[in-house]
Amino acid sequence: MSSALVIGSTGATGIHVVGELLKCGLFEKVTSVARSEIDYQGPNKERLVQKIVDFEKIEEHRDAFKGHTHMFSCLGTTRKTAGSAENFYKIDHDYVINSSKIFKEENQGNKLHFILVSSGGANANSPFLYMKTKGKIEEDLKEMKFSRLSIFRPGSLLDRGHDSRFLENIGSFFAKGLNVVTFERAGIPVTMLAKALVRITQITSEVKPDDDGNIVEFLNNKEAYELAKRTDIPGFENDNAETAVVEEVVEEVVEEETKQ
């Protein structure tokens, strides 16, 4: 059975990734590597391992990375939160890449699947710090030659479910004259992104392997949205209740906007 490690597990997306990994029951162990613990009370709680680390001294925490087949990176910040461009790059890029190197080094000889939350518009040559940093992360991860590297490039990350703030966000899309197709391309709820991130571990990639047999695949916002809705994947056959609510909300908002 597979084992997964998540960095950025205390963030809006990461905490849902941990929940999805445990809920599906397909991973014998799920390790949260973060600066603080998360409060998880759902199914398969006994499989959750929490490692409190200092990313500035990540080399001292190598044991946390051993014995895993999958690694999810949901780690990220903003320049405002980081306080400077230098700190932003250190957190967004260096913490991710340094952790990724240890993951590969501590699991040599195994087929490793790395799943990254990047961003739409990521480009290592971008003049904008955020997009440039995300693009540099992608490039550096590709150089590591993981057996499979899945890079998600979502649009705006919407709120943590179908609460009032989430409905307001959806409403704002359509209030600006945008339709369902635009919505699916422009933004995605973090709950649905988490579903897509976990589901990709259970499907065969459509991307042809390179000469070394490794796969690098990119999924845009709409592709992530569609993957999150799939219930034909083993382990996720009955996991459509929340998705149905999101679809219902979108349809209701569209209907209201059409009447106006």
C-alpha atoms as a PDB file:
ATOM      1  CA  MET A   1       0.000   0.000   0.000  1.00  0.00           C
ATOM      2  CA  SER A   2       1.114   3.571  -0.660  1.00  0.00           C
ATOM      3  CA  SER A   3       2.297   6.102   1.889  1.00  0.00           C
ATOM      4  CA  ALA A   4       2.007   9.872   1.518  1.00  0.00           C
ATOM      5  CA  LEU A   5       3.779  12.913   2.906  1.00  0.00           C
ATOM      6  CA  VAL A   6       2.315  16.426   2.818  1.00  0.00           C
ATOM      7  CA  ILE A   7       4.101  19.746   3.304  1.00  0.00           C
ATOM      8  CA  GLY A   8       1.944  22.824   3.657  1.00  0.00           C
ATOM      9  CA  SER A   9      -0.576  20.648   5.474  1.00  0.00           C
ATOM     10  CA  THR A  10      -1.750  23.447   7.759  1.00  0.00           C
ATOM     11  CA  GLY A  11      -2.748  25.657   4.829  1.00  0.00           C
ATOM     12  CA  ALA A  12      -6.133  26.023   3.151  1.00  0.00           C
ATOM     13  CA  THR A  13      -5.443  23.370   0.499  1.00  0.00           C
ATOM     14  CA  GLY A  14      -3.025  21.153   2.391  1.00  0.00           C
ATOM     15  CA  ILE A  15      -5.310  20.450   5.312  1.00  0.00           C
ATOM     16  CA  HIS A  16      -7.956  19.165   2.878  1.00  0.00           C
ATOM     17  CA  VAL A  17      -5.361  17.041   1.066  1.00  0.00           C
ATOM     18  CA  VAL A  18      -4.547  15.302   4.351  1.00  0.00           C
ATOM     19  CA  GLY A  19      -8.252  14.719   4.923  1.00  0.00           C
ATOM     20  CA  GLU A  20      -8.792  13.290   1.436  1.00  0.00           C
ATOM     21  CA  LEU A  21      -5.765  10.997   1.746  1.00  0.00           C
ATOM     22  CA  LEU A  22      -7.023   9.565   5.010  1.00  0.00           C
ATOM     23  CA  LYS A  23     -10.678   9.407   4.015  1.00  0.00           C
ATOM     24  CA  CYS A  24     -10.073   7.387   0.847  1.00  0.00           C
ATOM     25  CA  GLY A  25      -8.292   4.663   2.829  1.00  0.00           C
ATOM     26  CA  LEU A  26      -5.792   3.956   0.050  1.00  0.00           C
ATOM     27  CA  PHE A  27      -2.718   5.097   1.982  1.00  0.00           C
ATOM     28  CA  GLU A  28      -1.386   3.102   4.921  1.00  0.00           C
ATOM     29  CA  LYS A  29       0.294   6.177   6.375  1.00  0.00           C
ATOM     30  CA  VAL A  30      -0.156   9.910   5.858  1.00  0.00           C
ATOM     31  CA  THR A  31       2.546  12.150   7.292  1.00  0.00           C
ATOM     32  CA  SER A  32       1.991  15.844   7.889  1.00  0.00           C
ATOM     33  CA  VAL A  33       5.282  17.750   7.863  1.00  0.00           C
ATOM     34  CA  ALA A  34       4.610  21.223   9.210  1.00  0.00           C
ATOM     35  CA  ARG A  35       5.493  23.798  11.842  1.00  0.00           C
ATOM     36  CA  SER A  36       2.393  22.920  13.864  1.00  0.00           C
ATOM     37  CA  GLU A  37      -0.095  20.080  14.233  1.00  0.00           C
ATOM     38  CA  ILE A  38      -3.450  19.900  12.518  1.00  0.00           C
ATOM     39  CA  ASP A  39      -6.702  18.863  14.168  1.00  0.00           C
ATOM     40  CA  TYR A  40      -8.057  15.901  12.221  1.00  0.00           C
ATOM     41  CA  GLN A  41     -10.970  13.866  13.618  1.00  0.00           C
ATOM     42  CA  GLY A  42     -12.097  12.024  10.475  1.00  0.00           C
ATOM     43  CA  PRO A  43     -11.810   8.446   9.164  1.00  0.00           C
ATOM     44  CA  ASN A  44      -8.523   6.534   9.554  1.00  0.00           C
ATOM     45  CA  LYS A  45      -7.189   9.010  12.092  1.00  0.00           C
ATOM     46  CA  GLU A  46      -4.797   6.345  13.383  1.00  0.00           C
ATOM     47  CA  ARG A  47      -2.903   6.483  10.081  1.00  0.00           C
ATOM     48  CA  LEU A  48      -1.980  10.141  10.511  1.00  0.00           C
ATOM     49  CA  VAL A  49       1.575  10.899  11.616  1.00  0.00           C
ATOM     50  CA  GLN A  50       2.400  14.480  12.528  1.00  0.00           C
ATOM     51  CA  LYS A  51       5.983  15.723  12.347  1.00  0.00           C
ATOM     52  CA  ILE A  52       6.697  19.201  13.677  1.00  0.00           C
ATOM     53  CA  VAL A  53       9.677  20.637  11.818  1.00  0.00           C
ATOM     54  CA  ASP A  54      11.703  23.788  11.339  1.00  0.00           C
ATOM     55  CA  PHE A  55      12.016  24.263   7.580  1.00  0.00           C
ATOM     56  CA  GLU A  56      15.117  26.365   8.202  1.00  0.00           C
ATOM     57  CA  LYS A  57      16.717  23.198   9.583  1.00  0.00           C
ATOM     58  CA  ILE A  58      14.946  20.630   7.433  1.00  0.00           C
ATOM     59  CA  GLU A  59      18.092  18.487   7.182  1.00  0.00           C
ATOM     60  CA  GLU A  60      17.583  17.636  10.845  1.00  0.00           C
ATOM     61  CA  HIS A  61      14.214  16.067  10.032  1.00  0.00           C
ATOM     62  CA  ARG A  62      15.200  13.524   7.383  1.00  0.00           C
ATOM     63  CA  ASP A  63      13.476  10.676   9.198  1.00  0.00           C
ATOM     64  CA  ALA A  64      10.103  12.305   8.532  1.00  0.00           C
ATOM     65  CA  PHE A  65      10.611  11.806   4.791  1.00  0.00           C
ATOM     66  CA  LYS A  66      11.508   8.107   4.862  1.00  0.00           C
ATOM     67  CA  GLY A  67       9.212   5.348   3.672  1.00  0.00           C
ATOM     68  CA  HIS A  68       6.871   7.310   1.428  1.00  0.00           C
ATOM     69  CA  THR A  69       5.794   6.759  -2.170  1.00  0.00           C
ATOM     70  CA  HIS A  70       4.000  10.075  -2.680  1.00  0.00           C
ATOM     71  CA  MET A  71       4.771  13.644  -1.680  1.00  0.00           C
ATOM     72  CA  PHE A  72       2.350  16.551  -1.902  1.00  0.00           C
ATOM     73  CA  SER A  73       3.558  20.140  -1.800  1.00  0.00           C
ATOM     74  CA  CYS A  74       0.865  22.637  -0.854  1.00  0.00           C
ATOM     75  CA  LEU A  75       3.351  24.998   0.748  1.00  0.00           C
ATOM     76  CA  GLY A  76       3.183  28.649  -0.169  1.00  0.00           C
ATOM     77  CA  THR A  77       2.840  32.192   1.085  1.00  0.00           C
ATOM     78  CA  THR A  78       2.467  35.734  -0.211  1.00  0.00           C
ATOM     79  CA  ARG A  79       5.013  38.501  -0.407  1.00  0.00           C
ATOM     80  CA  LYS A  80       2.969  40.512   2.079  1.00  0.00           C
ATOM     81  CA  THR A  81       2.891  37.696   4.623  1.00  0.00           C
ATOM     82  CA  ALA A  82       6.566  36.874   4.073  1.00  0.00           C
ATOM     83  CA  GLY A  83       7.541  40.488   4.622  1.00  0.00           C
ATOM     84  CA  SER A  84       9.968  40.743   1.717  1.00  0.00           C
ATOM     85  CA  ALA A  85      10.708  39.321  -1.715  1.00  0.00           C
ATOM     86  CA  GLU A  86      13.675  37.457  -0.272  1.00  0.00           C
ATOM     87  CA  ASN A  87      11.624  35.747   2.423  1.00  0.00           C
ATOM     88  CA  PHE A  88       8.860  34.967  -0.055  1.00  0.00           C
ATOM     89  CA  TYR A  89      11.316  33.163  -2.343  1.00  0.00           C
ATOM     90  CA  LYS A  90      12.852  31.297   0.575  1.00  0.00           C
ATOM     91  CA  ILE A  91       9.495  29.980   1.777  1.00  0.00           C
ATOM     92  CA  ASP A  92       7.849  29.358  -1.580  1.00  0.00           C
ATOM     93  CA  HIS A  93      10.877  27.990  -3.413  1.00  0.00           C
ATOM     94  CA  ASP A  94      13.661  26.943  -1.064  1.00  0.00           C
ATOM     95  CA  TYR A  95      11.507  25.184   1.515  1.00  0.00           C
ATOM     96  CA  VAL A  96       9.784  23.180  -1.219  1.00  0.00           C
ATOM     97  CA  ILE A  97      12.914  22.266  -3.158  1.00  0.00           C
ATOM     98  CA  ASN A  98      14.974  21.396  -0.078  1.00  0.00           C
ATOM     99  CA  SER A  99      12.176  19.159   1.205  1.00  0.00           C
ATOM    100  CA  SER A 100      11.779  17.545  -2.215  1.00  0.00           C
ATOM    101  CA  LYS A 101      15.466  16.667  -2.395  1.00  0.00           C
ATOM    102  CA  ILE A 102      15.324  14.946   0.972  1.00  0.00           C
ATOM    103  CA  PHE A 103      12.186  13.043  -0.051  1.00  0.00           C
ATOM    104  CA  LYS A 104      13.978  11.652  -3.090  1.00  0.00           C
ATOM    105  CA  GLU A 105      17.247  10.933  -1.301  1.00  0.00           C
ATOM    106  CA  GLU A 106      15.549   9.104   1.567  1.00  0.00           C
ATOM    107  CA  ASN A 107      13.493   6.898  -0.754  1.00  0.00           C
ATOM    108  CA  GLN A 108      16.005   5.946  -3.422  1.00  0.00           C
ATOM    109  CA  GLY A 109      15.168   2.901  -5.474  1.00  0.00           C
ATOM    110  CA  ASN A 110      11.418   3.441  -5.200  1.00  0.00           C
ATOM    111  CA  LYS A 111       9.020   4.822  -7.767  1.00  0.00           C
ATOM    112  CA  LEU A 112       8.143   8.241  -6.420  1.00  0.00           C
ATOM    113  CA  HIS A 113       5.183  10.419  -7.333  1.00  0.00           C
ATOM    114  CA  PHE A 114       5.474  14.129  -6.531  1.00  0.00           C
ATOM    115  CA  ILE A 115       2.340  16.286  -6.653  1.00  0.00           C
ATOM    116  CA  LEU A 116       2.778  20.069  -6.683  1.00  0.00           C
ATOM    117  CA  VAL A 117       0.320  22.914  -6.246  1.00  0.00           C
ATOM    118  CA  SER A 118       1.766  25.590  -8.517  1.00  0.00           C
ATOM    119  CA  SER A 119      -0.205  28.393 -10.155  1.00  0.00           C
ATOM    120  CA  GLY A 120      -1.779  29.342 -13.432  1.00  0.00           C
ATOM    121  CA  GLY A 121       0.673  31.540 -15.298  1.00  0.00           C
ATOM    122  CA  ALA A 122       3.745  30.029 -13.637  1.00  0.00           C
ATOM    123  CA  ASN A 123       6.797  30.942 -15.706  1.00  0.00           C
ATOM    124  CA  ALA A 124      10.440  30.988 -14.646  1.00  0.00           C
ATOM    125  CA  ASN A 125      11.014  33.902 -17.043  1.00  0.00           C
ATOM    126  CA  SER A 126       8.124  36.019 -15.800  1.00  0.00           C
ATOM    127  CA  PRO A 127       8.905  39.582 -14.665  1.00  0.00           C
ATOM    128  CA  PHE A 128       6.506  39.047 -11.749  1.00  0.00           C
ATOM    129  CA  LEU A 129       7.952  37.576  -8.557  1.00  0.00           C
ATOM    130  CA  TYR A 130       5.056  35.227  -7.799  1.00  0.00           C
ATOM    131  CA  MET A 131       4.819  33.670 -11.272  1.00  0.00           C
ATOM    132  CA  LYS A 132       8.598  33.562 -11.656  1.00  0.00           C
ATOM    133  CA  THR A 133       9.025  31.761  -8.342  1.00  0.00           C
ATOM    134  CA  LYS A 134       6.341  29.194  -9.153  1.00  0.00           C
ATOM    135  CA  GLY A 135       7.938  28.610 -12.543  1.00  0.00           C
ATOM    136  CA  LYS A 136      11.373  28.146 -10.980  1.00  0.00           C
ATOM    137  CA  ILE A 137       9.956  25.566  -8.573  1.00  0.00           C
ATOM    138  CA  GLU A 138       8.509  23.634 -11.510  1.00  0.00           C
ATOM    139  CA  GLU A 139      11.807  23.728 -13.407  1.00  0.00           C
ATOM    140  CA  ASP A 140      13.847  22.587 -10.407  1.00  0.00           C
ATOM    141  CA  LEU A 141      11.448  19.735  -9.670  1.00  0.00           C
ATOM    142  CA  LYS A 142      11.636  18.543 -13.268  1.00  0.00           C
ATOM    143  CA  GLU A 143      15.413  18.334 -12.900  1.00  0.00           C
ATOM    144  CA  MET A 144      15.007  15.889 -10.011  1.00  0.00           C
ATOM    145  CA  LYS A 145      13.600  13.214 -12.327  1.00  0.00           C
ATOM    146  CA  PHE A 146      10.811  11.819 -10.186  1.00  0.00           C
ATOM    147  CA  SER A 147       9.087   8.754 -11.622  1.00  0.00           C
ATOM    148  CA  ARG A 148       6.008  10.933 -11.934  1.00  0.00           C
ATOM    149  CA  LEU A 149       5.656  14.661 -11.399  1.00  0.00           C
ATOM    150  CA  SER A 150       2.131  16.081 -11.434  1.00  0.00           C
ATOM    151  CA  ILE A 151       2.023  19.879 -11.545  1.00  0.00           C
ATOM    152  CA  PHE A 152      -1.314  21.540 -10.878  1.00  0.00           C
ATOM    153  CA  ARG A 153      -1.754  25.100 -12.115  1.00  0.00           C
ATOM    154  CA  PRO A 154      -5.016  26.293 -10.562  1.00  0.00           C
ATOM    155  CA  GLY A 155      -6.512  29.733 -10.908  1.00  0.00           C
ATOM    156  CA  SER A 156      -7.912  31.568  -7.896  1.00  0.00           C
ATOM    157  CA  LEU A 157      -8.230  29.327  -4.853  1.00  0.00           C
ATOM    158  CA  LEU A 158     -11.735  29.810  -3.512  1.00  0.00           C
ATOM    159  CA  ASP A 159     -12.866  29.390   0.082  1.00  0.00           C
ATOM    160  CA  ARG A 160     -12.889  26.268   2.167  1.00  0.00           C
ATOM    161  CA  GLY A 161     -16.242  24.844   1.099  1.00  0.00           C
ATOM    162  CA  HIS A 162     -19.766  25.931   0.375  1.00  0.00           C
ATOM    163  CA  ASP A 163     -20.072  28.398   3.272  1.00  0.00           C
ATOM    164  CA  SER A 164     -21.318  31.967   2.828  1.00  0.00           C
ATOM    165  CA  ARG A 165     -17.937  33.303   1.752  1.00  0.00           C
ATOM    166  CA  PHE A 166     -17.686  30.631  -0.915  1.00  0.00           C
ATOM    167  CA  LEU A 167     -21.132  31.492  -2.242  1.00  0.00           C
ATOM    168  CA  GLU A 168     -20.154  35.141  -2.343  1.00  0.00           C
ATOM    169  CA  ASN A 169     -17.057  34.259  -4.348  1.00  0.00           C
ATOM    170  CA  ILE A 170     -19.065  32.260  -6.860  1.00  0.00           C
ATOM    171  CA  GLY A 171     -21.639  35.016  -7.050  1.00  0.00           C
ATOM    172  CA  SER A 172     -18.952  37.591  -7.760  1.00  0.00           C
ATOM    173  CA  PHE A 173     -17.800  35.594 -10.779  1.00  0.00           C
ATOM    174  CA  PHE A 174     -21.229  35.663 -12.342  1.00  0.00           C
ATOM    175  CA  ALA A 175     -22.015  39.211 -11.231  1.00  0.00           C
ATOM    176  CA  LYS A 176     -19.183  40.233 -13.539  1.00  0.00           C
ATOM    177  CA  GLY A 177     -20.878  38.500 -16.450  1.00  0.00           C
ATOM    178  CA  LEU A 178     -18.801  35.315 -16.367  1.00  0.00           C
ATOM    179  CA  ASN A 179     -20.336  31.942 -17.176  1.00  0.00           C
ATOM    180  CA  VAL A 180     -19.825  28.387 -15.891  1.00  0.00           C
ATOM    181  CA  VAL A 181     -17.035  27.645 -18.374  1.00  0.00           C
ATOM    182  CA  THR A 182     -15.164  30.766 -17.283  1.00  0.00           C
ATOM    183  CA  PHE A 183     -15.701  29.866 -13.630  1.00  0.00           C
ATOM    184  CA  GLU A 184     -14.207  26.419 -14.129  1.00  0.00           C
ATOM    185  CA  ARG A 185     -11.157  27.978 -15.748  1.00  0.00           C
ATOM    186  CA  ALA A 186     -10.727  30.950 -13.423  1.00  0.00           C
ATOM    187  CA  GLY A 187     -11.021  29.461  -9.951  1.00  0.00           C
ATOM    188  CA  ILE A 188     -11.480  26.315  -7.906  1.00  0.00           C
ATOM    189  CA  PRO A 189     -12.576  25.679  -4.306  1.00  0.00           C
ATOM    190  CA  VAL A 190      -9.673  24.372  -2.218  1.00  0.00           C
ATOM    191  CA  THR A 191     -11.798  21.365  -1.270  1.00  0.00           C
ATOM    192  CA  MET A 192     -12.150  20.362  -4.915  1.00  0.00           C
ATOM    193  CA  LEU A 193      -8.484  21.028  -5.656  1.00  0.00           C
ATOM    194  CA  ALA A 194      -7.583  18.680  -2.812  1.00  0.00           C
ATOM    195  CA  LYS A 195      -9.815  15.984  -4.303  1.00  0.00           C
ATOM    196  CA  ALA A 196      -8.061  16.349  -7.654  1.00  0.00           C
ATOM    197  CA  LEU A 197      -4.604  16.221  -6.067  1.00  0.00           C
ATOM    198  CA  VAL A 198      -5.389  12.932  -4.357  1.00  0.00           C
ATOM    199  CA  ARG A 199      -7.329  11.382  -7.239  1.00  0.00           C
ATOM    200  CA  ILE A 200      -4.417  11.767  -9.634  1.00  0.00           C
ATOM    201  CA  THR A 201      -2.464   9.229  -7.598  1.00  0.00           C
ATOM    202  CA  GLN A 202      -4.968   6.553  -8.600  1.00  0.00           C
ATOM    203  CA  ILE A 203      -5.138   7.084 -12.359  1.00  0.00           C
ATOM    204  CA  THR A 204      -2.706   6.329 -15.155  1.00  0.00           C
ATOM    205  CA  SER A 205      -1.140   9.374 -16.734  1.00  0.00           C
ATOM    206  CA  GLU A 206      -1.949  10.156 -20.351  1.00  0.00           C
ATOM    207  CA  VAL A 207       1.503  11.699 -20.786  1.00  0.00           C
ATOM    208  CA  LYS A 208       4.143   9.663 -22.580  1.00  0.00           C
ATOM    209  CA  PRO A 209       7.188   8.888 -20.392  1.00  0.00           C
ATOM    210  CA  ASP A 210      10.540  10.400 -21.332  1.00  0.00           C
ATOM    211  CA  ASP A 211      13.583   8.337 -22.305  1.00  0.00           C
ATOM    212  CA  ASP A 212      14.238   7.568 -18.636  1.00  0.00           C
ATOM    213  CA  GLY A 213      10.678   6.378 -18.108  1.00  0.00           C
ATOM    214  CA  ASN A 214       9.706   9.428 -16.060  1.00  0.00           C
ATOM    215  CA  ILE A 215       6.495  11.418 -16.464  1.00  0.00           C
ATOM    216  CA  VAL A 216       5.924  15.158 -16.122  1.00  0.00           C
ATOM    217  CA  GLU A 217       2.310  16.273 -16.463  1.00  0.00           C
ATOM    218  CA  PHE A 218       0.553  19.610 -16.092  1.00  0.00           C
ATOM    219  CA  LEU A 219      -3.087  20.137 -15.127  1.00  0.00           C
ATOM    220  CA  ASN A 220      -4.762  23.497 -15.523  1.00  0.00           C
ATOM    221  CA  ASN A 221      -7.685  24.792 -13.483  1.00  0.00           C
ATOM    222  CA  LYS A 222     -10.403  23.230 -15.647  1.00  0.00           C
ATOM    223  CA  GLU A 223      -8.627  19.858 -15.756  1.00  0.00           C
ATOM    224  CA  ALA A 224      -8.300  19.872 -11.965  1.00  0.00           C
ATOM    225  CA  TYR A 225     -11.983  20.765 -11.674  1.00  0.00           C
ATOM    226  CA  GLU A 226     -12.995  17.867 -13.937  1.00  0.00           C
ATOM    227  CA  LEU A 227     -10.723  15.403 -12.140  1.00  0.00           C
ATOM    228  CA  ALA A 228     -12.198  16.379  -8.776  1.00  0.00           C
ATOM    229  CA  LYS A 229     -15.678  15.476 -10.033  1.00  0.00           C
ATOM    230  CA  ARG A 230     -14.769  11.968 -11.190  1.00  0.00           C
ATOM    231  CA  THR A 231     -16.349   9.104  -9.282  1.00  0.00           C
ATOM    232  CA  ASP A 232     -15.160   6.305 -11.573  1.00  0.00           C
ATOM    233  CA  ILE A 233     -11.807   6.059  -9.799  1.00  0.00           C
ATOM    234  CA  PRO A 234     -11.405   3.164  -7.316  1.00  0.00           C
ATOM    235  CA  GLY A 235     -11.692   4.488  -3.785  1.00  0.00           C
ATOM    236  CA  PHE A 236     -13.741   7.525  -4.781  1.00  0.00           C
ATOM    237  CA  GLU A 237     -16.940   5.953  -6.122  1.00  0.00           C
ATOM    238  CA  ASN A 238     -19.150   7.477  -3.423  1.00  0.00           C
ATOM    239  CA  ASP A 239     -17.274  10.732  -2.994  1.00  0.00           C
ATOM    240  CA  ASN A 240     -19.575  13.049  -4.896  1.00  0.00           C
ATOM    241  CA  ALA A 241     -21.770  14.735  -2.259  1.00  0.00           C
ATOM    242  CA  GLU A 242     -19.698  17.893  -1.869  1.00  0.00           C
ATOM    243  CA  THR A 243     -19.087  18.155  -5.602  1.00  0.00           C
ATOM    244  CA  ALA A 244     -22.821  17.928  -6.198  1.00  0.00           C
ATOM    245  CA  VAL A 245     -23.377  20.838  -3.811  1.00  0.00           C
ATOM    246  CA  VAL A 246     -20.837  22.954  -5.690  1.00  0.00           C
ATOM    247  CA  GLU A 247     -22.485  22.131  -9.013  1.00  0.00           C
ATOM    248  CA  GLU A 248     -25.911  22.954  -7.588  1.00  0.00           C
ATOM    249  CA  VAL A 249     -24.705  26.312  -6.290  1.00  0.00           C
ATOM    250  CA  VAL A 250     -23.182  27.210  -9.661  1.00  0.00           C
ATOM    251  CA  GLU A 251     -26.382  26.273 -11.476  1.00  0.00           C
ATOM    252  CA  GLU A 252     -28.515  28.305  -9.061  1.00  0.00           C
ATOM    253  CA  VAL A 253     -26.350  31.394  -9.433  1.00  0.00           C
ATOM    254  CA  VAL A 254     -26.369  31.077 -13.218  1.00  0.00           C
ATOM    255  CA  GLU A 255     -30.152  30.733 -13.206  1.00  0.00           C
ATOM    256  CA  GLU A 256     -30.536  33.857 -11.059  1.00  0.00           C
ATOM    257  CA  GLU A 257     -28.145  35.857 -13.219  1.00  0.00           C
ATOM    258  CA  THR A 258     -30.009  34.758 -16.333  1.00  0.00           C
ATOM    259  CA  LYS A 259     -33.284  36.097 -14.925  1.00  0.00           C
ATOM    260  CA  GLN A 260     -31.804  39.537 -14.255  1.00  0.00           C
END
